[in-house]
C-alpha atoms as a PDB file:
ATOM      1  CA  MET A   1     127.348  88.066  88.700  1.00  0.00           C
ATOM      2  CA  SER A   2     127.684  91.865  88.877  1.00  0.00           C
ATOM      3  CA  SER A   3     127.059  92.298  85.147  1.00  0.00           C
ATOM      4  CA  LYS A   4     123.804  90.337  85.106  1.00  0.00           C
ATOM      5  CA  LEU A   5     120.558  92.003  84.068  1.00  0.00           C
ATOM      6  CA  LEU A   6     117.082  91.443  85.472  1.00  0.00           C
ATOM      7  CA  GLY A   7     113.716  91.731  83.756  1.00  0.00           C
ATOM      8  CA  SER A   8     110.494  93.218  85.140  1.00  0.00           C
ATOM      9  CA  ILE A   9     107.012  92.795  83.687  1.00  0.00           C
ATOM     10  CA  GLU A  10     104.244  94.847  85.255  1.00  0.00           C
ATOM     11  CA  ALA A  11     101.293  93.210  83.523  1.00  0.00           C
ATOM     12  CA  GLY A  12      98.380  95.561  84.069  1.00  0.00           C
ATOM     13  CA  GLY A  13      94.863  95.345  82.830  1.00  0.00           C
ATOM     14  CA  THR A  14      95.313  98.673  81.010  1.00  0.00           C
ATOM     15  CA  LYS A  15      98.986  98.581  80.052  1.00  0.00           C
ATOM     16  CA  PHE A  16     102.154  96.519  80.318  1.00  0.00           C
ATOM     17  CA  VAL A  17     105.356  98.086  81.617  1.00  0.00           C
ATOM     18  CA  CYS A  18     108.517  96.135  80.832  1.00  0.00           C
ATOM     19  CA  ALA A  19     111.938  97.053  82.184  1.00  0.00           C
ATOM     20  CA  VAL A  20     115.509  95.811  82.332  1.00  0.00           C
ATOM     21  CA  GLY A  21     117.532  96.587  85.439  1.00  0.00           C
ATOM     22  CA  ASP A  22     120.860  95.904  87.081  1.00  0.00           C
ATOM     23  CA  LEU A  23     121.465  94.089  90.349  1.00  0.00           C
ATOM     24  CA  ASN A  24     120.964  97.350  92.236  1.00  0.00           C
ATOM     25  CA  PHE A  25     117.451  97.458  90.753  1.00  0.00           C
ATOM     26  CA  LYS A  26     118.169 100.527  88.669  1.00  0.00           C
ATOM     27  CA  VAL A  27     116.294 100.701  85.384  1.00  0.00           C
ATOM     28  CA  GLN A  28     118.533 100.416  82.302  1.00  0.00           C
ATOM     29  CA  ALA A  29     115.774 100.272  79.687  1.00  0.00           C
ATOM     30  CA  GLN A  30     111.989 100.475  79.804  1.00  0.00           C
ATOM     31  CA  THR A  31     108.944 100.415  77.544  1.00  0.00           C
ATOM     32  CA  SER A  32     105.180 100.381  77.930  1.00  0.00           C
ATOM     33  CA  PHE A  33     102.251  99.611  75.673  1.00  0.00           C
ATOM     34  CA  PRO A  34      98.498  99.127  75.990  1.00  0.00           C
ATOM     35  CA  THR A  35      97.223  95.716  77.034  1.00  0.00           C
ATOM     36  CA  GLY A  36      95.789  94.171  73.892  1.00  0.00           C
ATOM     37  CA  ASN A  37      94.929  90.553  73.281  1.00  0.00           C
ATOM     38  CA  PRO A  38      97.327  88.017  74.810  1.00  0.00           C
ATOM     39  CA  GLU A  39      99.134  87.038  71.615  1.00  0.00           C
ATOM     40  CA  GLU A  40      99.937  90.546  70.401  1.00  0.00           C
ATOM     41  CA  THR A  41     100.762  91.786  73.893  1.00  0.00           C
ATOM     42  CA  MET A  42     103.132  88.941  74.741  1.00  0.00           C
ATOM     43  CA  ALA A  43     104.785  89.257  71.329  1.00  0.00           C
ATOM     44  CA  LYS A  44     105.739  92.824  72.298  1.00  0.00           C
ATOM     45  CA  VAL A  45     107.015  91.627  75.679  1.00  0.00           C
ATOM     46  CA  ILE A  46     109.187  88.948  74.105  1.00  0.00           C
ATOM     47  CA  ASP A  47     110.457  91.329  71.435  1.00  0.00           C
ATOM     48  CA  PHE A  48     111.552  93.836  74.083  1.00  0.00           C
ATOM     49  CA  PHE A  49     113.445  91.363  76.271  1.00  0.00           C
ATOM     50  CA  SER A  50     115.030  89.569  73.313  1.00  0.00           C
ATOM     51  CA  ALA A  51     117.294  92.578  72.833  1.00  0.00           C
ATOM     52  CA  TYR A  52     118.937  92.055  76.240  1.00  0.00           C
ATOM     53  CA  ASP A  53     120.913  89.290  77.894  1.00  0.00           C
ATOM     54  CA  ILE A  54     118.693  88.982  80.952  1.00  0.00           C
ATOM     55  CA  SER A  55     119.267  86.351  83.645  1.00  0.00           C
ATOM     56  CA  ALA A  56     115.859  86.231  85.350  1.00  0.00           C
ATOM     57  CA  ILE A  57     112.417  87.825  85.145  1.00  0.00           C
ATOM     58  CA  GLY A  58     109.919  88.969  87.762  1.00  0.00           C
ATOM     59  CA  ILE A  59     106.267  89.289  86.753  1.00  0.00           C
ATOM     60  CA  GLY A  60     103.594  91.197  88.657  1.00  0.00           C
ATOM     61  CA  SER A  61     100.331  90.399  86.892  1.00  0.00           C
ATOM     62  CA  PHE A  62      96.762  91.613  87.003  1.00  0.00           C
ATOM     63  CA  GLY A  63      94.429  88.939  88.226  1.00  0.00           C
ATOM     64  CA  PRO A  64      93.098  86.854  89.466  1.00  0.00           C
ATOM     65  CA  VAL A  65      96.124  84.785  88.504  1.00  0.00           C
ATOM     66  CA  ASP A  66      97.271  81.405  89.802  1.00  0.00           C
ATOM     67  CA  ILE A  67     100.612  81.959  91.562  1.00  0.00           C
ATOM     68  CA  ASP A  68     100.817  78.568  93.307  1.00  0.00           C
ATOM     69  CA  PRO A  69     103.699  76.544  91.781  1.00  0.00           C
ATOM     70  CA  ASN A  70     101.985  73.332  92.908  1.00  0.00           C
ATOM     71  CA  SER A  71      98.728  74.088  91.105  1.00  0.00           C
ATOM     72  CA  GLU A  72      97.815  72.611  87.731  1.00  0.00           C
ATOM     73  CA  ASN A  73      96.781  76.123  86.673  1.00  0.00           C
ATOM     74  CA  TYR A  74     100.017  77.762  87.817  1.00  0.00           C
ATOM     75  CA  GLY A  75     100.782  80.754  85.629  1.00  0.00           C
ATOM     76  CA  LYS A  76      97.298  81.135  84.189  1.00  0.00           C
ATOM     77  CA  ILE A  77      95.075  84.199  84.322  1.00  0.00           C
ATOM     78  CA  LEU A  78      91.809  83.105  85.908  1.00  0.00           C
ATOM     79  CA  ALA A  79      88.333  84.722  85.998  1.00  0.00           C
ATOM     80  CA  THR A  80      89.396  88.186  84.869  1.00  0.00           C
ATOM     81  CA  PRO A  81      86.860  90.629  83.372  1.00  0.00           C
ATOM     82  CA  LYS A  82      89.283  90.829  80.422  1.00  0.00           C
ATOM     83  CA  LEU A  83      87.679  87.901  78.629  1.00  0.00           C
ATOM     84  CA  GLU A  84      90.462  87.433  76.058  1.00  0.00           C
ATOM     85  CA  TRP A  85      92.903  86.725  78.879  1.00  0.00           C
ATOM     86  CA  ARG A  86      90.815  84.169  80.771  1.00  0.00           C
ATOM     87  CA  GLY A  87      92.754  80.923  80.968  1.00  0.00           C
ATOM     88  CA  TYR A  88      95.808  82.406  79.260  1.00  0.00           C
ATOM     89  CA  ASP A  89      99.076  80.907  80.516  1.00  0.00           C
ATOM     90  CA  ILE A  90     101.279  83.966  80.818  1.00  0.00           C
ATOM     91  CA  LEU A  91     104.085  81.999  82.462  1.00  0.00           C
ATOM     92  CA  SER A  92     104.314  79.341  79.756  1.00  0.00           C
ATOM     93  CA  ALA A  93     104.336  81.989  77.041  1.00  0.00           C
ATOM     94  CA  LEU A  94     107.532  83.393  78.559  1.00  0.00           C
ATOM     95  CA  LYS A  95     109.149  80.060  79.360  1.00  0.00           C
ATOM     96  CA  GLN A  96     108.778  78.928  75.773  1.00  0.00           C
ATOM     97  CA  ARG A  97     111.069  81.778  74.728  1.00  0.00           C
ATOM     98  CA  PHE A  98     113.269  82.380  77.775  1.00  0.00           C
ATOM     99  CA  LYS A  99     114.971  79.442  79.502  1.00  0.00           C
ATOM    100  CA  LEU A 100     115.694  81.237  82.748  1.00  0.00           C
ATOM    101  CA  PRO A 101     114.291  81.629  86.302  1.00  0.00           C
ATOM    102  CA  ILE A 102     110.943  83.455  86.415  1.00  0.00           C
ATOM    103  CA  PHE A 103     109.073  84.612  89.532  1.00  0.00           C
ATOM    104  CA  LEU A 104     105.332  85.177  89.134  1.00  0.00           C
ATOM    105  CA  THR A 105     103.129  87.077  91.565  1.00  0.00           C
ATOM    106  CA  THR A 106     100.333  89.645  91.505  1.00  0.00           C
ATOM    107  CA  ASP A 107     100.866  93.259  90.504  1.00  0.00           C
ATOM    108  CA  VAL A 108     100.078  94.497  94.003  1.00  0.00           C
ATOM    109  CA  ASN A 109     102.420  91.921  95.572  1.00  0.00           C
ATOM    110  CA  ALA A 110     105.172  93.190  93.289  1.00  0.00           C
ATOM    111  CA  SER A 111     104.521  96.747  94.464  1.00  0.00           C
ATOM    112  CA  ALA A 112     104.516  95.600  98.065  1.00  0.00           C
ATOM    113  CA  PHE A 113     107.865  93.884  97.582  1.00  0.00           C
ATOM    114  CA  GLY A 114     109.322  96.958  95.952  1.00  0.00           C
ATOM    115  CA  GLU A 115     108.392  99.135  98.920  1.00  0.00           C
ATOM    116  CA  TYR A 116     109.639  96.417 101.284  1.00  0.00           C
ATOM    117  CA  THR A 117     112.956  96.219  99.436  1.00  0.00           C
ATOM    118  CA  MET A 118     113.857  99.892  99.086  1.00  0.00           C
ATOM    119  CA  GLY A 119     110.790 102.028  99.794  1.00  0.00           C
ATOM    120  CA  ALA A 120     108.510 102.984 102.654  1.00  0.00           C
ATOM    121  CA  ALA A 121     108.909  99.597 104.389  1.00  0.00           C
ATOM    122  CA  ALA A 122     112.627  99.096 103.829  1.00  0.00           C
ATOM    123  CA  ASN A 123     113.393  99.497 107.534  1.00  0.00           C
ATOM    124  CA  VAL A 124     110.778  97.040 108.872  1.00  0.00           C
ATOM    125  CA  ASP A 125     110.025  93.313 108.683  1.00  0.00           C
ATOM    126  CA  SER A 126     106.324  93.504 107.792  1.00  0.00           C
ATOM    127  CA  CYS A 127     104.056  95.663 105.697  1.00  0.00           C
ATOM    128  CA  VAL A 128     100.760  95.778 103.858  1.00  0.00           C
ATOM    129  CA  TYR A 129     100.538  97.556 100.527  1.00  0.00           C
ATOM    130  CA  PHE A 130      97.260  98.637  98.936  1.00  0.00           C
ATOM    131  CA  THR A 131      96.660 100.080  95.518  1.00  0.00           C
ATOM    132  CA  VAL A 132      93.521 102.199  95.192  1.00  0.00           C
ATOM    133  CA  GLY A 133      92.758 103.022  91.584  1.00  0.00           C
ATOM    134  CA  THR A 134      90.656 101.348  88.906  1.00  0.00           C
ATOM    135  CA  GLY A 135      90.421  98.475  91.380  1.00  0.00           C
ATOM    136  CA  ILE A 136      91.626  97.912  94.914  1.00  0.00           C
ATOM    137  CA  GLY A 137      94.093  95.207  95.858  1.00  0.00           C
ATOM    138  CA  GLY A 138      96.400  94.413  98.723  1.00  0.00           C
ATOM    139  CA  GLY A 139      99.570  92.467  99.406  1.00  0.00           C
ATOM    140  CA  VAL A 140     101.001  91.433 102.775  1.00  0.00           C
ATOM    141  CA  ILE A 141     104.669  90.726 103.514  1.00  0.00           C
ATOM    142  CA  GLN A 142     105.990  89.160 106.717  1.00  0.00           C
ATOM    143  CA  ASN A 143     109.738  88.577 107.081  1.00  0.00           C
ATOM    144  CA  GLY A 144     110.305  88.726 103.347  1.00  0.00           C
ATOM    145  CA  GLU A 145     107.521  86.333 102.398  1.00  0.00           C
ATOM    146  CA  PHE A 146     104.070  86.947 100.953  1.00  0.00           C
ATOM    147  CA  ILE A 147     101.088  85.980 103.083  1.00  0.00           C
ATOM    148  CA  GLY A 148      98.679  83.691 101.247  1.00  0.00           C
ATOM    149  CA  GLY A 149      97.514  80.113 101.123  1.00  0.00           C
ATOM    150  CA  LEU A 150      94.795  78.834  98.849  1.00  0.00           C
ATOM    151  CA  THR A 151      95.359  81.760  96.473  1.00  0.00           C
ATOM    152  CA  HIS A 152      96.717  85.278  96.561  1.00  0.00           C
ATOM    153  CA  LEU A 153      94.796  87.689  98.777  1.00  0.00           C
ATOM    154  CA  GLU A 154      91.651  89.515  97.617  1.00  0.00           C
ATOM    155  CA  MET A 155      91.705  92.371 100.109  1.00  0.00           C
ATOM    156  CA  GLY A 156      89.910  94.717  97.746  1.00  0.00           C
ATOM    157  CA  HIS A 157      86.718  92.790  98.376  1.00  0.00           C
ATOM    158  CA  THR A 158      86.805  93.131 102.155  1.00  0.00           C
ATOM    159  CA  PHE A 159      83.362  94.193 103.358  1.00  0.00           C
ATOM    160  CA  VAL A 160      82.926  97.666 104.841  1.00  0.00           C
ATOM    161  CA  LYS A 161      80.309  99.473 106.885  1.00  0.00           C
ATOM    162  CA  ARG A 162      78.307 101.947 104.797  1.00  0.00           C
ATOM    163  CA  HIS A 163      78.782 105.663 105.356  1.00  0.00           C
ATOM    164  CA  PRO A 164      75.556 107.254 106.708  1.00  0.00           C
ATOM    165  CA  ASP A 165      75.405 109.588 103.684  1.00  0.00           C
ATOM    166  CA  ASP A 166      76.075 106.802 101.193  1.00  0.00           C
ATOM    167  CA  THR A 167      73.281 104.322 101.796  1.00  0.00           C
ATOM    168  CA  ASP A 168      71.697 104.714  98.345  1.00  0.00           C
ATOM    169  CA  PHE A 169      74.858 104.181  96.311  1.00  0.00           C
ATOM    170  CA  GLU A 170      74.682 100.911  94.368  1.00  0.00           C
ATOM    171  CA  GLY A 171      78.434 100.469  94.072  1.00  0.00           C
ATOM    172  CA  VAL A 172      80.594  99.411  91.156  1.00  0.00           C
ATOM    173  CA  CYS A 173      81.586  95.864  92.115  1.00  0.00           C
ATOM    174  CA  PRO A 174      79.666  93.348  89.967  1.00  0.00           C
ATOM    175  CA  TYR A 175      79.830  90.815  92.803  1.00  0.00           C
ATOM    176  CA  HIS A 176      79.235  92.869  95.966  1.00  0.00           C
ATOM    177  CA  GLY A 177      77.798  96.191  94.848  1.00  0.00           C
ATOM    178  CA  ALA A 178      78.860  98.806  97.386  1.00  0.00           C
ATOM    179  CA  ASP A 179      79.352  96.352 100.248  1.00  0.00           C
ATOM    180  CA  CYS A 180      83.038  95.739  99.515  1.00  0.00           C
ATOM    181  CA  ILE A 181      85.835  98.283  99.530  1.00  0.00           C
ATOM    182  CA  GLU A 182      86.393  98.055  95.763  1.00  0.00           C
ATOM    183  CA  GLY A 183      82.714  98.594  95.055  1.00  0.00           C
ATOM    184  CA  ALA A 184      82.544 101.548  97.442  1.00  0.00           C
ATOM    185  CA  ALA A 185      85.894 103.319  97.144  1.00  0.00           C
ATOM    186  CA  SER A 186      87.738 102.503  93.904  1.00  0.00           C
ATOM    187  CA  GLY A 187      88.314 105.145  91.251  1.00  0.00           C
ATOM    188  CA  PRO A 188      85.206 104.141  89.264  1.00  0.00           C
ATOM    189  CA  SER A 189      83.092 104.627  92.404  1.00  0.00           C
ATOM    190  CA  LEU A 190      84.238 108.256  92.604  1.00  0.00           C
ATOM    191  CA  GLN A 191      83.336 108.753  88.961  1.00  0.00           C
ATOM    192  CA  ALA A 192      79.966 107.045  89.433  1.00  0.00           C
ATOM    193  CA  ARG A 193      79.106 109.420  92.286  1.00  0.00           C
ATOM    194  CA  THR A 194      80.445 112.656  90.800  1.00  0.00           C
ATOM    195  CA  GLY A 195      80.664 112.161  87.038  1.00  0.00           C
ATOM    196  CA  LEU A 196      84.350 113.115  87.303  1.00  0.00           C
ATOM    197  CA  ARG A 197      87.643 111.268  87.536  1.00  0.00           C
ATOM    198  CA  GLY A 198      89.203 111.480  90.977  1.00  0.00           C
ATOM    199  CA  GLU A 199      91.916 113.962  89.984  1.00  0.00           C
ATOM    200  CA  SER A 200      89.221 116.363  88.767  1.00  0.00           C
ATOM    201  CA  VAL A 201      87.182 116.296  91.991  1.00  0.00           C
ATOM    202  CA  THR A 202      87.870 119.355  94.153  1.00  0.00           C
ATOM    203  CA  GLU A 203      89.287 118.906  97.642  1.00  0.00           C
ATOM    204  CA  GLU A 204      86.134 120.464  99.132  1.00  0.00           C
ATOM    205  CA  HIS A 205      83.740 117.932  97.574  1.00  0.00           C
ATOM    206  CA  ASP A 206      81.667 115.912 100.067  1.00  0.00           C
ATOM    207  CA  VAL A 207      82.628 112.674  98.321  1.00  0.00           C
ATOM    208  CA  TRP A 208      86.062 112.700  99.953  1.00  0.00           C
ATOM    209  CA  ALA A 209      84.552 112.262 103.417  1.00  0.00           C
ATOM    210  CA  ILE A 210      82.833 109.127 102.131  1.00  0.00           C
ATOM    211  CA  GLU A 211      85.979 107.885 100.403  1.00  0.00           C
ATOM    212  CA  ALA A 212      88.111 108.434 103.500  1.00  0.00           C
ATOM    213  CA  TYR A 213      85.589 106.607 105.676  1.00  0.00           C
ATOM    214  CA  TYR A 214      85.944 103.443 103.620  1.00  0.00           C
ATOM    215  CA  ILE A 215      89.722 103.616 103.200  1.00  0.00           C
ATOM    216  CA  ALA A 216      90.099 104.189 106.935  1.00  0.00           C
ATOM    217  CA  GLN A 217      88.097 101.060 107.657  1.00  0.00           C
ATOM    218  CA  LEU A 218      90.434  99.109 105.406  1.00  0.00           C
ATOM    219  CA  ALA A 219      93.470 100.531 107.189  1.00  0.00           C
ATOM    220  CA  PHE A 220      92.091  99.900 110.679  1.00  0.00           C
ATOM    221  CA  ASN A 221      90.996  96.346 109.872  1.00  0.00           C
ATOM    222  CA  THR A 222      94.466  95.743 108.477  1.00  0.00           C
ATOM    223  CA  ARG A 223      96.019  96.879 111.753  1.00  0.00           C
ATOM    224  CA  LEU A 224      93.747  94.490 113.665  1.00  0.00           C
ATOM    225  CA  ASN A 225      94.109  91.522 111.296  1.00  0.00           C
ATOM    226  CA  PHE A 226      97.803  91.659 110.406  1.00  0.00           C
ATOM    227  CA  ALA A 227      99.430  94.163 112.812  1.00  0.00           C
ATOM    228  CA  PRO A 228     101.994  95.217 110.186  1.00  0.00           C
ATOM    229  CA  GLU A 229     104.746  97.690 110.892  1.00  0.00           C
ATOM    230  CA  LYS A 230     103.741  99.809 107.866  1.00  0.00           C
ATOM    231  CA  ILE A 231     100.527 100.316 105.907  1.00  0.00           C
ATOM    232  CA  ILE A 232     101.206 101.780 102.461  1.00  0.00           C
ATOM    233  CA  PHE A 233      98.578 103.200 100.114  1.00  0.00           C
ATOM    234  CA  GLY A 234      99.467 103.584  96.448  1.00  0.00           C
ATOM    235  CA  GLY A 235      97.402 104.022  93.296  1.00  0.00           C
ATOM    236  CA  GLY A 236      95.936 107.062  91.605  1.00  0.00           C
ATOM    237  CA  VAL A 237      93.177 107.774  94.126  1.00  0.00           C
ATOM    238  CA  MET A 238      95.609 108.036  97.042  1.00  0.00           C
ATOM    239  CA  GLN A 239      97.898 110.653  95.501  1.00  0.00           C
ATOM    240  CA  GLN A 240      96.147 113.471  97.372  1.00  0.00           C
ATOM    241  CA  GLU A 241      97.543 114.421 100.748  1.00  0.00           C
ATOM    242  CA  HIS A 242      94.209 115.744 102.003  1.00  0.00           C
ATOM    243  CA  LEU A 243      92.741 112.247 101.555  1.00  0.00           C
ATOM    244  CA  MET A 244      95.558 110.624 103.533  1.00  0.00           C
ATOM    245  CA  SER A 245      95.027 113.176 106.310  1.00  0.00           C
ATOM    246  CA  ARG A 246      91.303 112.369 106.437  1.00  0.00           C
ATOM    247  CA  VAL A 247      92.034 108.646 106.513  1.00  0.00           C
ATOM    248  CA  ARG A 248      94.465 108.969 109.405  1.00  0.00           C
ATOM    249  CA  SER A 249      91.984 111.070 111.378  1.00  0.00           C
ATOM    250  CA  ILE A 250      89.181 108.520 110.931  1.00  0.00           C
ATOM    251  CA  VAL A 251      91.488 105.616 111.796  1.00  0.00           C
ATOM    252  CA  GLU A 252      92.219 107.351 115.091  1.00  0.00           C
ATOM    253  CA  GLU A 253      88.484 107.672 115.752  1.00  0.00           C
ATOM    254  CA  LEU A 254      87.799 104.046 114.839  1.00  0.00           C
ATOM    255  CA  ASN A 255      90.591 102.825 117.088  1.00  0.00           C
ATOM    256  CA  ASN A 256      89.326 104.850 120.056  1.00  0.00           C
ATOM    257  CA  ARG A 257      92.632 104.130 121.873  1.00  0.00           C
ATOM    258  CA  TYR A 258      92.052 100.361 121.650  1.00  0.00           C
ATOM    259  CA  VAL A 259      95.355  99.173 120.140  1.00  0.00           C
ATOM    260  CA  ASP A 260      98.751 100.821 120.150  1.00  0.00           C
ATOM    261  CA  MET A 261      99.853 102.381 116.887  1.00  0.00           C
ATOM    262  CA  PRO A 262     102.845 104.486 115.929  1.00  0.00           C
ATOM    263  CA  SER A 263     102.380 108.054 114.770  1.00  0.00           C
ATOM    264  CA  LEU A 264      99.848 107.672 111.960  1.00  0.00           C
ATOM    265  CA  GLU A 265     101.834 110.075 109.765  1.00  0.00           C
ATOM    266  CA  GLU A 266     104.632 107.500 109.882  1.00  0.00           C
ATOM    267  CA  TYR A 267     102.439 104.387 109.955  1.00  0.00           C
ATOM    268  CA  ILE A 268      99.866 104.966 107.179  1.00  0.00           C
ATOM    269  CA  VAL A 269     101.901 106.328 104.297  1.00  0.00           C
ATOM    270  CA  ASN A 270     102.263 106.673 100.531  1.00  0.00           C
ATOM    271  CA  PRO A 271     104.929 104.769  98.564  1.00  0.00           C
ATOM    272  CA  LEU A 272     108.438 106.207  98.568  1.00  0.00           C
ATOM    273  CA  ILE A 273     109.683 104.821  95.254  1.00  0.00           C
ATOM    274  CA  PRO A 274     109.100 107.599  92.694  1.00  0.00           C
ATOM    275  CA  GLU A 275     107.336 107.530  89.333  1.00  0.00           C
ATOM    276  CA  ASN A 276     105.070 104.606  90.210  1.00  0.00           C
ATOM    277  CA  GLY A 277     108.151 102.395  90.224  1.00  0.00           C
ATOM    278  CA  SER A 278     107.288 100.170  93.182  1.00  0.00           C
ATOM    279  CA  ALA A 279     106.231  97.181  91.063  1.00  0.00           C
ATOM    280  CA  THR A 280     109.302  97.447  88.823  1.00  0.00           C
ATOM    281  CA  VAL A 281     111.674  97.428  91.786  1.00  0.00           C
ATOM    282  CA  GLY A 282     109.714  94.596  93.355  1.00  0.00           C
ATOM    283  CA  ASN A 283     109.897  92.544  90.174  1.00  0.00           C
ATOM    284  CA  PHE A 284     113.649  93.089  89.929  1.00  0.00           C
ATOM    285  CA  ALA A 285     114.085  91.952  93.542  1.00  0.00           C
ATOM    286  CA  LEU A 286     111.888  88.888  93.000  1.00  0.00           C
ATOM    287  CA  ALA A 287     113.760  88.042  89.795  1.00  0.00           C
ATOM    288  CA  LEU A 288     117.013  88.191  91.743  1.00  0.00           C
ATOM    289  CA  ARG A 289     115.525  85.911  94.389  1.00  0.00           C
ATOM    290  CA  ALA A 290     114.544  83.417  91.687  1.00  0.00           C
ATOM    291  CA  LEU A 291     118.055  83.606  90.251  1.00  0.00           C
ATOM    292  CA  GLU A 292     119.689  82.995  93.622  1.00  0.00           C
ATOM    293  CA  ASN A 293     117.321  80.138  94.394  1.00  0.00           C
ATOM    294  CA  ASN A 294     118.401  78.619  91.091  1.00  0.00           C
ATOM    295  CA  GLY A 295     121.945  78.578  92.375  1.00  0.00           C
ATOM    296  CA  GLU A 296     123.300  81.340  90.191  1.00  0.00           C
END
């Protein structure tokens, strides 16, 4: 089994990242390309993996996507804003070409599993991973299993209390305006307020106090609702240490000594896997799980 190869598909709304790795989850080959229409995009995916003798594939997909194996829509992209992909059966497209075990989950679940496997949560039994970028999503792991029931979680649409200096902002969520965390604190919300992408906004700008207020609410509510051993924030918006410091400070204020928490510098953290590789590692690990569950 030591010579087997695993496949990873990070199916993002903007781009696909495909990789082949060994059983130690080290990348052996990788490619990426923009997300086009389903047919042309999946043709590139299949072409890439056809060059390798892979034994299983893990997919972390943008959503919403049906990840329930017992559902009649299992494997299909659901009500995504990317209209060409609505109703597309990403799982069947792969199974028609590759007769091997495939594990399908969300992109943020894949990142969560990567950090749980060999990243910031590798030494604990539970974690919550958030990505804060173009959108906001979250995945929860408890004892090696994803938390979810009817569907995968939609933590990016958790409602938040408005910042006192942000009451006039209309938000960027088409469903909830600025009342949910995605509408109030995703990357597009920063651009809507400032006219700049997050990486171009100076550290001194007042918008960061607003951003931290919302992210801190998400972190504190996560501590109360799930009590995980680690809370991990990934995504482009969270790559600034000053923002993480603000978030930790506000979480401490919100808690007001109510529940016990570890040192916040060790509890609310960034991913440890470098080069945005959390989802790739997670997909490799989930592919291996699928392979082992298949008796191989």
